[in-house]
Amino acid sequence: MLWSDPKNEPPKELRDAQAMLRRAGLLVALLMVVGMIVLGLG
């Protein structure tokens, strides 16, 4: 393996997209939990 070989990591755009998807997933999960609580108490 040469020193000039690029590192095996995704480009910045891909990492940003993955971070955004992770945050969106957390938000959706949180909304689902809140919705279930509201429906359960309603």
Protein backbone atom coordinates (compact mmCIF):
# COMPACT_ATOMS: atom_id res chain seq x y z
CA MET A 1 0.00 0.00 0.00
CA LEU A 2 1.40 3.35 -1.03
CA TRP A 3 1.44 6.46 1.08
CA SER A 4 -0.37 8.31 -1.70
CA ASP A 5 -3.38 5.98 -1.58
CA PRO A 6 -6.57 7.79 -0.54
CA LYS A 7 -7.99 6.90 2.86
CA ASN A 8 -10.90 4.49 2.86
CA GLU A 9 -13.49 6.93 4.15
CA PRO A 10 -16.61 8.35 2.51
CA PRO A 11 -16.52 11.90 1.09
CA LYS A 12 -17.74 14.81 3.18
CA GLU A 13 -21.09 15.02 1.38
CA LEU A 14 -21.83 11.38 2.16
CA ARG A 15 -20.89 11.75 5.82
CA ASP A 16 -23.09 14.86 6.09
CA ALA A 17 -26.00 13.00 4.50
CA GLN A 18 -25.53 10.06 6.88
CA ALA A 19 -25.49 12.40 9.89
CA MET A 20 -28.64 14.12 8.64
CA LEU A 21 -30.41 10.77 8.13
CA ARG A 22 -29.40 9.68 11.63
CA ARG A 23 -30.84 12.88 13.13
CA ALA A 24 -34.02 12.52 11.06
CA GLY A 25 -34.37 8.91 12.25
CA LEU A 26 -33.99 9.95 15.87
CA LEU A 27 -36.59 12.68 15.38
CA VAL A 28 -39.06 10.25 13.80
CA ALA A 29 -38.54 7.74 16.63
CA LEU A 30 -39.09 10.48 19.21
CA LEU A 31 -42.27 11.66 17.48
CA MET A 32 -43.57 8.08 17.38
CA VAL A 33 -42.97 7.64 21.11
CA VAL A 34 -44.71 10.93 21.89
CA GLY A 35 -47.59 10.00 19.59
CA MET A 36 -48.02 6.65 21.29
CA ILE A 37 -48.06 8.30 24.71
CA VAL A 38 -50.64 10.85 23.57
CA LEU A 39 -52.82 8.16 22.00
CA GLY A 40 -52.47 6.00 25.10
CA LEU A 41 -53.51 8.80 27.43
CA GLY A 42 -56.21 10.17 25.15
